[in-house]
Amino acid sequence: MKKKVARAQIVKIAKKLKALSHPERLRIVLELMKRECCVGELQKCVSLSQPHVSQSLRILKQAGIVIGRRRQRRVCYRVKDPVTEGMIKLFFEKSKAK
């Protein structure tokens, strides 16, 4: 990399990587890469408590990885950032190769 990278960009990337560094949050993102889900659906898919899923979604949302939209009385989430999604896919592809 020849160009100097701006500190703000480094901080933004570090925030996303930190959010993804927890295995349960990564599992949640993997489920959301398949389809949009509400908290209750995610809770069943990843076998975690509702507060744990909600807290993880808050962290992922703050990092700019997921976005929520209100559907009646529930909030459904999906992956917001296609670059992060691509990075996760690449990590899994490369980890299978070894």
C-alpha atoms as a PDB file:
ATOM      1  CA  MET A   1       0.000   0.000   0.000  1.00  0.00           C
ATOM      2  CA  LYS A   2       1.738   3.162  -1.188  1.00  0.00           C
ATOM      3  CA  LYS A   3      -0.773   5.812  -0.127  1.00  0.00           C
ATOM      4  CA  LYS A   4      -0.902   7.025   3.435  1.00  0.00           C
ATOM      5  CA  VAL A   5      -4.151   5.837   5.036  1.00  0.00           C
ATOM      6  CA  ALA A   6      -6.172   8.416   6.943  1.00  0.00           C
ATOM      7  CA  ARG A   7      -6.492   7.856  10.692  1.00  0.00           C
ATOM      8  CA  ALA A   8     -10.289   8.152  10.471  1.00  0.00           C
ATOM      9  CA  GLN A   9     -10.379   5.289   7.993  1.00  0.00           C
ATOM     10  CA  ILE A  10      -8.178   3.147  10.232  1.00  0.00           C
ATOM     11  CA  VAL A  11     -10.433   3.822  13.221  1.00  0.00           C
ATOM     12  CA  LYS A  12     -13.540   2.947  11.207  1.00  0.00           C
ATOM     13  CA  ILE A  13     -12.074  -0.369  10.044  1.00  0.00           C
ATOM     14  CA  ALA A  14     -10.787  -1.205  13.534  1.00  0.00           C
ATOM     15  CA  LYS A  15     -14.272  -0.593  14.957  1.00  0.00           C
ATOM     16  CA  LYS A  16     -15.785  -3.061  12.470  1.00  0.00           C
ATOM     17  CA  LEU A  17     -13.120  -5.681  13.134  1.00  0.00           C
ATOM     18  CA  LYS A  18     -13.588  -5.303  16.891  1.00  0.00           C
ATOM     19  CA  ALA A  19     -17.355  -5.781  16.528  1.00  0.00           C
ATOM     20  CA  LEU A  20     -16.777  -8.934  14.466  1.00  0.00           C
ATOM     21  CA  SER A  21     -14.118 -10.311  16.820  1.00  0.00           C
ATOM     22  CA  HIS A  22     -16.665 -11.890  19.167  1.00  0.00           C
ATOM     23  CA  PRO A  23     -17.745 -15.360  17.934  1.00  0.00           C
ATOM     24  CA  GLU A  24     -21.423 -14.846  18.810  1.00  0.00           C
ATOM     25  CA  ARG A  25     -21.605 -11.541  16.930  1.00  0.00           C
ATOM     26  CA  LEU A  26     -19.937 -13.185  13.944  1.00  0.00           C
ATOM     27  CA  ARG A  27     -22.549 -15.968  14.062  1.00  0.00           C
ATOM     28  CA  ILE A  28     -25.303 -13.338  14.083  1.00  0.00           C
ATOM     29  CA  VAL A  29     -23.805 -11.589  11.045  1.00  0.00           C
ATOM     30  CA  LEU A  30     -23.512 -14.931   9.225  1.00  0.00           C
ATOM     31  CA  GLU A  31     -27.236 -15.532   9.801  1.00  0.00           C
ATOM     32  CA  LEU A  32     -28.054 -12.019   8.592  1.00  0.00           C
ATOM     33  CA  MET A  33     -25.993 -12.624   5.458  1.00  0.00           C
ATOM     34  CA  LYS A  34     -28.507 -15.367   4.583  1.00  0.00           C
ATOM     35  CA  ARG A  35     -31.632 -13.255   5.155  1.00  0.00           C
ATOM     36  CA  GLU A  36     -33.165 -10.400   7.088  1.00  0.00           C
ATOM     37  CA  CYS A  37     -34.198 -11.478  10.612  1.00  0.00           C
ATOM     38  CA  CYS A  38     -35.914 -10.092  13.675  1.00  0.00           C
ATOM     39  CA  VAL A  39     -34.433 -10.559  17.153  1.00  0.00           C
ATOM     40  CA  GLY A  40     -36.669 -13.546  17.952  1.00  0.00           C
ATOM     41  CA  GLU A  41     -35.696 -15.352  14.771  1.00  0.00           C
ATOM     42  CA  LEU A  42     -32.010 -14.703  15.412  1.00  0.00           C
ATOM     43  CA  GLN A  43     -32.389 -15.872  18.990  1.00  0.00           C
ATOM     44  CA  LYS A  44     -33.595 -19.273  17.751  1.00  0.00           C
ATOM     45  CA  CYS A  45     -30.964 -19.548  14.997  1.00  0.00           C
ATOM     46  CA  VAL A  46     -27.961 -18.823  17.210  1.00  0.00           C
ATOM     47  CA  SER A  47     -29.328 -20.251  20.498  1.00  0.00           C
ATOM     48  CA  LEU A  48     -28.692 -17.121  22.549  1.00  0.00           C
ATOM     49  CA  SER A  49     -30.880 -15.179  24.963  1.00  0.00           C
ATOM     50  CA  GLN A  50     -32.903 -12.223  23.699  1.00  0.00           C
ATOM     51  CA  PRO A  51     -30.843  -9.685  25.723  1.00  0.00           C
ATOM     52  CA  HIS A  52     -27.590 -11.165  24.362  1.00  0.00           C
ATOM     53  CA  VAL A  53     -28.835 -10.949  20.756  1.00  0.00           C
ATOM     54  CA  SER A  54     -30.125  -7.401  21.254  1.00  0.00           C
ATOM     55  CA  GLN A  55     -26.845  -6.247  22.821  1.00  0.00           C
ATOM     56  CA  SER A  56     -24.848  -7.838  20.001  1.00  0.00           C
ATOM     57  CA  LEU A  57     -27.064  -6.190  17.381  1.00  0.00           C
ATOM     58  CA  ARG A  58     -26.564  -2.812  19.067  1.00  0.00           C
ATOM     59  CA  ILE A  59     -22.779  -3.224  18.833  1.00  0.00           C
ATOM     60  CA  LEU A  60     -22.980  -4.366  15.202  1.00  0.00           C
ATOM     61  CA  LYS A  61     -25.286  -1.464  14.360  1.00  0.00           C
ATOM     62  CA  GLN A  62     -22.945   1.073  15.993  1.00  0.00           C
ATOM     63  CA  ALA A  63     -20.073  -0.370  13.947  1.00  0.00           C
ATOM     64  CA  GLY A  64     -22.087   0.175  10.746  1.00  0.00           C
ATOM     65  CA  ILE A  65     -22.299  -3.532   9.943  1.00  0.00           C
ATOM     66  CA  VAL A  66     -26.053  -4.062  10.277  1.00  0.00           C
ATOM     67  CA  ILE A  67     -29.112  -1.894   9.910  1.00  0.00           C
ATOM     68  CA  GLY A  68     -32.576  -2.335  11.369  1.00  0.00           C
ATOM     69  CA  ARG A  69     -35.992  -1.457  10.023  1.00  0.00           C
ATOM     70  CA  ARG A  70     -39.260  -1.436  11.878  1.00  0.00           C
ATOM     71  CA  ARG A  71     -41.788  -4.039  10.790  1.00  0.00           C
ATOM     72  CA  GLN A  72     -44.956  -3.453  12.801  1.00  0.00           C
ATOM     73  CA  ARG A  73     -43.837  -3.821  16.433  1.00  0.00           C
ATOM     74  CA  ARG A  74     -40.573  -5.618  15.670  1.00  0.00           C
ATOM     75  CA  VAL A  75     -37.255  -4.491  14.263  1.00  0.00           C
ATOM     76  CA  CYS A  76     -35.735  -6.664  11.548  1.00  0.00           C
ATOM     77  CA  TYR A  77     -32.033  -6.527  10.790  1.00  0.00           C
ATOM     78  CA  ARG A  78     -29.895  -7.107   7.721  1.00  0.00           C
ATOM     79  CA  VAL A  79     -26.258  -6.659   6.779  1.00  0.00           C
ATOM     80  CA  LYS A  80     -25.765  -3.046   5.723  1.00  0.00           C
ATOM     81  CA  ASP A  81     -22.185  -3.105   4.512  1.00  0.00           C
ATOM     82  CA  PRO A  82     -21.427  -5.239   1.421  1.00  0.00           C
ATOM     83  CA  VAL A  83     -17.673  -4.718   1.906  1.00  0.00           C
ATOM     84  CA  THR A  84     -17.813  -6.284   5.372  1.00  0.00           C
ATOM     85  CA  GLU A  85     -19.925  -9.121   4.002  1.00  0.00           C
ATOM     86  CA  GLY A  86     -17.355  -9.720   1.263  1.00  0.00           C
ATOM     87  CA  MET A  87     -14.530  -9.671   3.798  1.00  0.00           C
ATOM     88  CA  ILE A  88     -16.279 -12.301   5.946  1.00  0.00           C
ATOM     89  CA  LYS A  89     -16.849 -14.525   2.904  1.00  0.00           C
ATOM     90  CA  LEU A  90     -13.181 -14.170   1.968  1.00  0.00           C
ATOM     91  CA  PHE A  91     -12.049 -15.119   5.493  1.00  0.00           C
ATOM     92  CA  PHE A  92     -14.167 -18.264   5.374  1.00  0.00           C
ATOM     93  CA  GLU A  93     -13.010 -19.181   1.863  1.00  0.00           C
ATOM     94  CA  LYS A  94      -9.352 -18.772   2.833  1.00  0.00           C
ATOM     95  CA  SER A  95      -9.772 -20.680   6.093  1.00  0.00           C
ATOM     96  CA  LYS A  96     -11.195 -23.684   4.181  1.00  0.00           C
ATOM     97  CA  ALA A  97      -8.219 -23.743   1.819  1.00  0.00           C
ATOM     98  CA  LYS A  98      -5.762 -24.748   4.554  1.00  0.00           C
END
